[in-house]
Amino acid sequence: MPKQKTHRGAAKRLSFTKTGLIKRAKAYKSHILNKKSTKRKRNLRKPGLVSASEAKIIRKLIPYK
């Protein structure tokens, strides 16, 4: 049976924590930043976690990570 191919877009955007949860970057941090508060922008820097229902799909996209 041939190897599965890794979805390169997903591999570049997502990573796993030590406990097996999937880390992702938060949205709304790229432009129109002057109307967003400093606190809001600071919190957008922190990594977010993928929900459990989406994690099942993502594990198939990144089989070897």
Foldseek 3Di string as FASTA:
>chain_A
DDDDDAQVVLVVAWDADPVGWIKGQAPDQPDPCPVPDPVVNVVSRDIDTDDPVVVVVNCSNGVPD
